[in-house]
């Protein structure tokens, strides 16, 4: 993975993974 703005992980094969989060401030990863 590569780092996106804001220090989160960017996943090229998942469009906008942050939209799935219940709390947008929580850390996450894609599997």
ModelCIF file with pLDDT and N, C-alpha, C, O atoms, coordinates in Angstrom:
data_MODEL
#
_entry.id   MODEL 
#
_entity.id                         1 
_entity.type                       polymer 
_entity.pdbx_number_of_molecules   1 
#
_entity_poly.entity_id                      1 
_entity_poly.type                           'polypeptide(L)' 
_entity_poly.nstd_linkage                   no 
_entity_poly.nstd_monomer                   no 
_entity_poly.pdbx_seq_one_letter_code       
;(UNK)(UNK)(UNK)(UNK)(UNK)(UNK)(UNK)(UNK)(UNK)(UNK)(UNK)(UNK)(UNK)(UNK)(UNK)(UNK)
(UNK)(UNK)(UNK)(UNK)(UNK)(UNK)(UNK)(UNK)(UNK)(UNK)(UNK)(UNK)(UNK)(UNK)(UNK)
;
_entity_poly.pdbx_seq_one_letter_code_can   XXXXXXXXXXXXXXXXXXXXXXXXXXXXXXX 
_entity_poly.pdbx_strand_id                 A 
#
loop_
_entity_poly_seq.entity_id 
_entity_poly_seq.num 
_entity_poly_seq.mon_id 
_entity_poly_seq.hetero 
1 1  UNK n 
1 2  UNK n 
1 3  UNK n 
1 4  UNK n 
1 5  UNK n 
1 6  UNK n 
1 7  UNK n 
1 8  UNK n 
1 9  UNK n 
1 10 UNK n 
1 11 UNK n 
1 12 UNK n 
1 13 UNK n 
1 14 UNK n 
1 15 UNK n 
1 16 UNK n 
1 17 UNK n 
1 18 UNK n 
1 19 UNK n 
1 20 UNK n 
1 21 UNK n 
1 22 UNK n 
1 23 UNK n 
1 24 UNK n 
1 25 UNK n 
1 26 UNK n 
1 27 UNK n 
1 28 UNK n 
1 29 UNK n 
1 30 UNK n 
1 31 UNK n 
#
_struct_asym.id          A 
_struct_asym.entity_id   1 
#
loop_
_ma_qa_metric.id 
_ma_qa_metric.mode 
_ma_qa_metric.name 
_ma_qa_metric.software_group_id 
_ma_qa_metric.type 
1 global pLDDT . pLDDT 
2 local  pLDDT . pLDDT 
#
_ma_qa_metric_global.metric_id      1 
_ma_qa_metric_global.metric_value   65.55 
_ma_qa_metric_global.model_id       1 
_ma_qa_metric_global.ordinal_id     1 
#
loop_
_ma_qa_metric_local.label_asym_id 
_ma_qa_metric_local.label_comp_id 
_ma_qa_metric_local.label_seq_id 
_ma_qa_metric_local.metric_id 
_ma_qa_metric_local.metric_value 
_ma_qa_metric_local.model_id 
_ma_qa_metric_local.ordinal_id 
A UNK 1  2 38.00 1 1  
A UNK 2  2 34.00 1 2  
A UNK 3  2 34.00 1 3  
A UNK 4  2 35.00 1 4  
A UNK 5  2 33.00 1 5  
A UNK 6  2 35.00 1 6  
A UNK 7  2 35.00 1 7  
A UNK 8  2 35.00 1 8  
A UNK 9  2 37.00 1 9  
A UNK 10 2 33.00 1 10 
A UNK 11 2 36.00 1 11 
A UNK 12 2 33.00 1 12 
A UNK 13 2 56.00 1 13 
A UNK 14 2 69.00 1 14 
A UNK 15 2 73.00 1 15 
A UNK 16 2 80.00 1 16 
A UNK 17 2 84.00 1 17 
A UNK 18 2 87.00 1 18 
A UNK 19 2 85.00 1 19 
A UNK 20 2 85.00 1 20 
A UNK 21 2 88.00 1 21 
A UNK 22 2 88.00 1 22 
A UNK 23 2 89.00 1 23 
A UNK 24 2 87.00 1 24 
A UNK 25 2 90.00 1 25 
A UNK 26 2 93.00 1 26 
A UNK 27 2 95.00 1 27 
A UNK 28 2 94.00 1 28 
A UNK 29 2 92.00 1 29 
A UNK 30 2 91.00 1 30 
A UNK 31 2 88.00 1 31 
#
loop_
_atom_site.group_PDB 
_atom_site.id 
_atom_site.type_symbol 
_atom_site.label_atom_id 
_atom_site.label_alt_id 
_atom_site.label_comp_id 
_atom_site.label_asym_id 
_atom_site.label_entity_id 
_atom_site.label_seq_id 
_atom_site.pdbx_PDB_ins_code 
_atom_site.Cartn_x 
_atom_site.Cartn_y 
_atom_site.Cartn_z 
_atom_site.occupancy 
_atom_site.B_iso_or_equiv 
_atom_site.pdbx_formal_charge 
_atom_site.auth_seq_id 
_atom_site.auth_comp_id 
_atom_site.auth_asym_id 
_atom_site.auth_atom_id 
_atom_site.pdbx_PDB_model_num 
ATOM 1   N N  . UNK A 1 1  ? 0.841   -1.181 0.000  1.00 38.00 ? 1  UNK A N  1 
ATOM 2   C CA . UNK A 1 1  ? 0.000   0.000  0.000  1.00 38.00 ? 1  UNK A CA 1 
ATOM 3   C C  . UNK A 1 1  ? 0.880   1.235  0.000  1.00 38.00 ? 1  UNK A C  1 
ATOM 4   O O  . UNK A 1 1  ? 2.074   1.162  0.293  1.00 38.00 ? 1  UNK A O  1 
ATOM 5   N N  . UNK A 1 2  ? 0.291   2.354  -0.326 1.00 34.00 ? 2  UNK A N  1 
ATOM 6   C CA . UNK A 1 2  ? 1.014   3.618  -0.279 1.00 34.00 ? 2  UNK A CA 1 
ATOM 7   C C  . UNK A 1 2  ? 0.277   4.567  0.634  1.00 34.00 ? 2  UNK A C  1 
ATOM 8   O O  . UNK A 1 2  ? -0.929  4.429  0.840  1.00 34.00 ? 2  UNK A O  1 
ATOM 9   N N  . UNK A 1 3  ? 1.001   5.539  1.190  1.00 34.00 ? 3  UNK A N  1 
ATOM 10  C CA . UNK A 1 3  ? 0.389   6.473  2.137  1.00 34.00 ? 3  UNK A CA 1 
ATOM 11  C C  . UNK A 1 3  ? -0.318  7.588  1.389  1.00 34.00 ? 3  UNK A C  1 
ATOM 12  O O  . UNK A 1 3  ? 0.232   8.153  0.444  1.00 34.00 ? 3  UNK A O  1 
ATOM 13  N N  . UNK A 1 4  ? -1.548  7.911  1.812  1.00 35.00 ? 4  UNK A N  1 
ATOM 14  C CA . UNK A 1 4  ? -2.289  9.012  1.226  1.00 35.00 ? 4  UNK A CA 1 
ATOM 15  C C  . UNK A 1 4  ? -2.186  10.211 2.155  1.00 35.00 ? 4  UNK A C  1 
ATOM 16  O O  . UNK A 1 4  ? -1.584  10.126 3.226  1.00 35.00 ? 4  UNK A O  1 
ATOM 17  N N  . UNK A 1 5  ? -2.777  11.333 1.743  1.00 33.00 ? 5  UNK A N  1 
ATOM 18  C CA . UNK A 1 5  ? -2.817  12.499 2.619  1.00 33.00 ? 5  UNK A CA 1 
ATOM 19  C C  . UNK A 1 5  ? -3.520  12.169 3.908  1.00 33.00 ? 5  UNK A C  1 
ATOM 20  O O  . UNK A 1 5  ? -4.476  11.393 3.914  1.00 33.00 ? 5  UNK A O  1 
ATOM 21  N N  . UNK A 1 6  ? -3.054  12.755 5.021  1.00 35.00 ? 6  UNK A N  1 
ATOM 22  C CA . UNK A 1 6  ? -3.662  12.487 6.328  1.00 35.00 ? 6  UNK A CA 1 
ATOM 23  C C  . UNK A 1 6  ? -3.028  11.311 7.020  1.00 35.00 ? 6  UNK A C  1 
ATOM 24  O O  . UNK A 1 6  ? -3.391  10.978 8.148  1.00 35.00 ? 6  UNK A O  1 
ATOM 25  N N  . UNK A 1 7  ? -2.065  10.666 6.342  1.00 35.00 ? 7  UNK A N  1 
ATOM 26  C CA . UNK A 1 7  ? -1.325  9.600  7.006  1.00 35.00 ? 7  UNK A CA 1 
ATOM 27  C C  . UNK A 1 7  ? -2.028  8.263  7.005  1.00 35.00 ? 7  UNK A C  1 
ATOM 28  O O  . UNK A 1 7  ? -1.518  7.322  7.614  1.00 35.00 ? 7  UNK A O  1 
ATOM 29  N N  . UNK A 1 8  ? -3.194  8.121  6.343  1.00 35.00 ? 8  UNK A N  1 
ATOM 30  C CA . UNK A 1 8  ? -3.870  6.835  6.278  1.00 35.00 ? 8  UNK A CA 1 
ATOM 31  C C  . UNK A 1 8  ? -3.276  6.006  5.140  1.00 35.00 ? 8  UNK A C  1 
ATOM 32  O O  . UNK A 1 8  ? -2.475  6.492  4.342  1.00 35.00 ? 8  UNK A O  1 
ATOM 33  N N  . UNK A 1 9  ? -3.695  4.739  5.092  1.00 37.00 ? 9  UNK A N  1 
ATOM 34  C CA . UNK A 1 9  ? -3.257  3.881  4.015  1.00 37.00 ? 9  UNK A CA 1 
ATOM 35  C C  . UNK A 1 9  ? -4.214  4.023  2.839  1.00 37.00 ? 9  UNK A C  1 
ATOM 36  O O  . UNK A 1 9  ? -5.430  4.070  3.024  1.00 37.00 ? 9  UNK A O  1 
ATOM 37  N N  . UNK A 1 10 ? -3.662  4.090  1.624  1.00 33.00 ? 10 UNK A N  1 
ATOM 38  C CA . UNK A 1 10 ? -4.485  4.195  0.429  1.00 33.00 ? 10 UNK A CA 1 
ATOM 39  C C  . UNK A 1 10 ? -4.549  2.842  -0.257 1.00 33.00 ? 10 UNK A C  1 
ATOM 40  O O  . UNK A 1 10 ? -3.524  2.175  -0.396 1.00 33.00 ? 10 UNK A O  1 
ATOM 41  N N  . UNK A 1 11 ? -5.729  2.425  -0.689 1.00 36.00 ? 11 UNK A N  1 
ATOM 42  C CA . UNK A 1 11 ? -5.919  1.134  -1.325 1.00 36.00 ? 11 UNK A CA 1 
ATOM 43  C C  . UNK A 1 11 ? -6.483  1.366  -2.714 1.00 36.00 ? 11 UNK A C  1 
ATOM 44  O O  . UNK A 1 11 ? -7.649  1.732  -2.866 1.00 36.00 ? 11 UNK A O  1 
ATOM 45  N N  . UNK A 1 12 ? -5.656  1.155  -3.723 1.00 33.00 ? 12 UNK A N  1 
ATOM 46  C CA . UNK A 1 12 ? -6.041  1.518  -5.083 1.00 33.00 ? 12 UNK A CA 1 
ATOM 47  C C  . UNK A 1 12 ? -7.250  0.727  -5.572 1.00 33.00 ? 12 UNK A C  1 
ATOM 48  O O  . UNK A 1 12 ? -7.993  1.209  -6.427 1.00 33.00 ? 12 UNK A O  1 
ATOM 49  N N  . UNK A 1 13 ? -7.461  -0.494 -5.037 1.00 56.00 ? 13 UNK A N  1 
ATOM 50  C CA . UNK A 1 13 ? -8.546  -1.330 -5.542 1.00 56.00 ? 13 UNK A CA 1 
ATOM 51  C C  . UNK A 1 13 ? -9.821  -1.179 -4.720 1.00 56.00 ? 13 UNK A C  1 
ATOM 52  O O  . UNK A 1 13 ? -10.797 -1.877 -4.994 1.00 56.00 ? 13 UNK A O  1 
ATOM 53  N N  . UNK A 1 14 ? -9.852  -0.305 -3.733 1.00 69.00 ? 14 UNK A N  1 
ATOM 54  C CA . UNK A 1 14 ? -11.076 0.015  -2.994 1.00 69.00 ? 14 UNK A CA 1 
ATOM 55  C C  . UNK A 1 14 ? -11.288 1.519  -3.086 1.00 69.00 ? 14 UNK A C  1 
ATOM 56  O O  . UNK A 1 14 ? -10.497 2.297  -2.553 1.00 69.00 ? 14 UNK A O  1 
ATOM 57  N N  . UNK A 1 15 ? -12.351 1.924  -3.760 1.00 73.00 ? 15 UNK A N  1 
ATOM 58  C CA . UNK A 1 15 ? -12.626 3.348  -3.909 1.00 73.00 ? 15 UNK A CA 1 
ATOM 59  C C  . UNK A 1 15 ? -13.074 3.977  -2.605 1.00 73.00 ? 15 UNK A C  1 
ATOM 60  O O  . UNK A 1 15 ? -14.099 3.590  -2.044 1.00 73.00 ? 15 UNK A O  1 
ATOM 61  N N  . UNK A 1 16 ? -12.312 4.945  -2.120 1.00 80.00 ? 16 UNK A N  1 
ATOM 62  C CA . UNK A 1 16 ? -12.678 5.701  -0.920 1.00 80.00 ? 16 UNK A CA 1 
ATOM 63  C C  . UNK A 1 16 ? -13.042 4.775  0.251  1.00 80.00 ? 16 UNK A C  1 
ATOM 64  O O  . UNK A 1 16 ? -14.198 4.761  0.675  1.00 80.00 ? 16 UNK A O  1 
ATOM 65  N N  . UNK A 1 17 ? -12.094 4.011  0.776  1.00 84.00 ? 17 UNK A N  1 
ATOM 66  C CA . UNK A 1 17 ? -12.425 3.068  1.860  1.00 84.00 ? 17 UNK A CA 1 
ATOM 67  C C  . UNK A 1 17 ? -12.920 3.761  3.128  1.00 84.00 ? 17 UNK A C  1 
ATOM 68  O O  . UNK A 1 17 ? -13.603 3.135  3.939  1.00 84.00 ? 17 UNK A O  1 
ATOM 69  N N  . UNK A 1 18 ? -12.583 5.070  3.319  1.00 87.00 ? 18 UNK A N  1 
ATOM 70  C CA . UNK A 1 18 ? -13.027 5.786  4.523  1.00 87.00 ? 18 UNK A CA 1 
ATOM 71  C C  . UNK A 1 18 ? -14.541 5.861  4.633  1.00 87.00 ? 18 UNK A C  1 
ATOM 72  O O  . UNK A 1 18 ? -15.074 6.018  5.732  1.00 87.00 ? 18 UNK A O  1 
ATOM 73  N N  . UNK A 1 19 ? -15.246 5.749  3.501  1.00 85.00 ? 19 UNK A N  1 
ATOM 74  C CA . UNK A 1 19 ? -16.711 5.855  3.545  1.00 85.00 ? 19 UNK A CA 1 
ATOM 75  C C  . UNK A 1 19 ? -17.356 4.702  4.306  1.00 85.00 ? 19 UNK A C  1 
ATOM 76  O O  . UNK A 1 19 ? -18.515 4.802  4.708  1.00 85.00 ? 19 UNK A O  1 
ATOM 77  N N  . UNK A 1 20 ? -16.620 3.608  4.511  1.00 85.00 ? 20 UNK A N  1 
ATOM 78  C CA . UNK A 1 20 ? -17.179 2.462  5.230  1.00 85.00 ? 20 UNK A CA 1 
ATOM 79  C C  . UNK A 1 20 ? -17.082 2.631  6.746  1.00 85.00 ? 20 UNK A C  1 
ATOM 80  O O  . UNK A 1 20 ? -17.754 1.913  7.487  1.00 85.00 ? 20 UNK A O  1 
ATOM 81  N N  . UNK A 1 21 ? -16.250 3.574  7.222  1.00 88.00 ? 21 UNK A N  1 
ATOM 82  C CA . UNK A 1 21 ? -15.951 3.663  8.647  1.00 88.00 ? 21 UNK A CA 1 
ATOM 83  C C  . UNK A 1 21 ? -17.120 4.238  9.440  1.00 88.00 ? 21 UNK A C  1 
ATOM 84  O O  . UNK A 1 21 ? -17.804 5.155  8.987  1.00 88.00 ? 21 UNK A O  1 
ATOM 85  N N  . UNK A 1 22 ? -17.334 3.680  10.633 1.00 88.00 ? 22 UNK A N  1 
ATOM 86  C CA . UNK A 1 22 ? -18.336 4.230  11.534 1.00 88.00 ? 22 UNK A CA 1 
ATOM 87  C C  . UNK A 1 22 ? -17.828 5.534  12.143 1.00 88.00 ? 22 UNK A C  1 
ATOM 88  O O  . UNK A 1 22 ? -18.592 6.481  12.330 1.00 88.00 ? 22 UNK A O  1 
ATOM 89  N N  . UNK A 1 23 ? -16.541 5.572  12.449 1.00 89.00 ? 23 UNK A N  1 
ATOM 90  C CA . UNK A 1 23 ? -15.894 6.786  12.968 1.00 89.00 ? 23 UNK A CA 1 
ATOM 91  C C  . UNK A 1 23 ? -14.727 7.118  12.035 1.00 89.00 ? 23 UNK A C  1 
ATOM 92  O O  . UNK A 1 23 ? -13.744 6.377  11.993 1.00 89.00 ? 23 UNK A O  1 
ATOM 93  N N  . UNK A 1 24 ? -14.823 8.216  11.291 1.00 87.00 ? 24 UNK A N  1 
ATOM 94  C CA . UNK A 1 24 ? -13.785 8.519  10.299 1.00 87.00 ? 24 UNK A CA 1 
ATOM 95  C C  . UNK A 1 24 ? -12.411 8.782  10.901 1.00 87.00 ? 24 UNK A C  1 
ATOM 96  O O  . UNK A 1 24 ? -11.418 8.833  10.174 1.00 87.00 ? 24 UNK A O  1 
ATOM 97  N N  . UNK A 1 25 ? -12.342 8.949  12.215 1.00 90.00 ? 25 UNK A N  1 
ATOM 98  C CA . UNK A 1 25 ? -11.056 9.171  12.871 1.00 90.00 ? 25 UNK A CA 1 
ATOM 99  C C  . UNK A 1 25 ? -10.375 7.872  13.297 1.00 90.00 ? 25 UNK A C  1 
ATOM 100 O O  . UNK A 1 25 ? -9.224  7.889  13.734 1.00 90.00 ? 25 UNK A O  1 
ATOM 101 N N  . UNK A 1 26 ? -11.087 6.736  13.171 1.00 93.00 ? 26 UNK A N  1 
ATOM 102 C CA . UNK A 1 26 ? -10.512 5.463  13.592 1.00 93.00 ? 26 UNK A CA 1 
ATOM 103 C C  . UNK A 1 26 ? -9.471  4.968  12.582 1.00 93.00 ? 26 UNK A C  1 
ATOM 104 O O  . UNK A 1 26 ? -9.623  5.181  11.379 1.00 93.00 ? 26 UNK A O  1 
ATOM 105 N N  . UNK A 1 27 ? -8.427  4.316  13.065 1.00 95.00 ? 27 UNK A N  1 
ATOM 106 C CA . UNK A 1 27 ? -7.496  3.649  12.147 1.00 95.00 ? 27 UNK A CA 1 
ATOM 107 C C  . UNK A 1 27 ? -8.179  2.452  11.491 1.00 95.00 ? 27 UNK A C  1 
ATOM 108 O O  . UNK A 1 27 ? -9.135  1.900  12.035 1.00 95.00 ? 27 UNK A O  1 
ATOM 109 N N  . UNK A 1 28 ? -7.692  2.060  10.336 1.00 94.00 ? 28 UNK A N  1 
ATOM 110 C CA . UNK A 1 28 ? -8.307  0.957  9.603  1.00 94.00 ? 28 UNK A CA 1 
ATOM 111 C C  . UNK A 1 28 ? -7.299  0.377  8.628  1.00 94.00 ? 28 UNK A C  1 
ATOM 112 O O  . UNK A 1 28 ? -6.236  0.951  8.393  1.00 94.00 ? 28 UNK A O  1 
ATOM 113 N N  . UNK A 1 29 ? -7.653  -0.781 8.060  1.00 92.00 ? 29 UNK A N  1 
ATOM 114 C CA . UNK A 1 29 ? -6.927  -1.315 6.906  1.00 92.00 ? 29 UNK A CA 1 
ATOM 115 C C  . UNK A 1 29 ? -7.889  -2.154 6.082  1.00 92.00 ? 29 UNK A C  1 
ATOM 116 O O  . UNK A 1 29 ? -8.962  -2.545 6.543  1.00 92.00 ? 29 UNK A O  1 
ATOM 117 N N  . UNK A 1 30 ? -7.485  -2.412 4.882  1.00 91.00 ? 30 UNK A N  1 
ATOM 118 C CA . UNK A 1 30 ? -8.324  -3.190 3.958  1.00 91.00 ? 30 UNK A CA 1 
ATOM 119 C C  . UNK A 1 30 ? -7.735  -4.584 3.809  1.00 91.00 ? 30 UNK A C  1 
ATOM 120 O O  . UNK A 1 30 ? -6.515  -4.750 3.795  1.00 91.00 ? 30 UNK A O  1 
ATOM 121 N N  . UNK A 1 31 ? -8.592  -5.578 3.699  1.00 88.00 ? 31 UNK A N  1 
ATOM 122 C CA . UNK A 1 31 ? -8.163  -6.976 3.641  1.00 88.00 ? 31 UNK A CA 1 
ATOM 123 C C  . UNK A 1 31 ? -8.865  -7.687 2.493  1.00 88.00 ? 31 UNK A C  1 
ATOM 124 O O  . UNK A 1 31 ? -8.639  -8.878 2.274  1.00 88.00 ? 31 UNK A O  1 
#
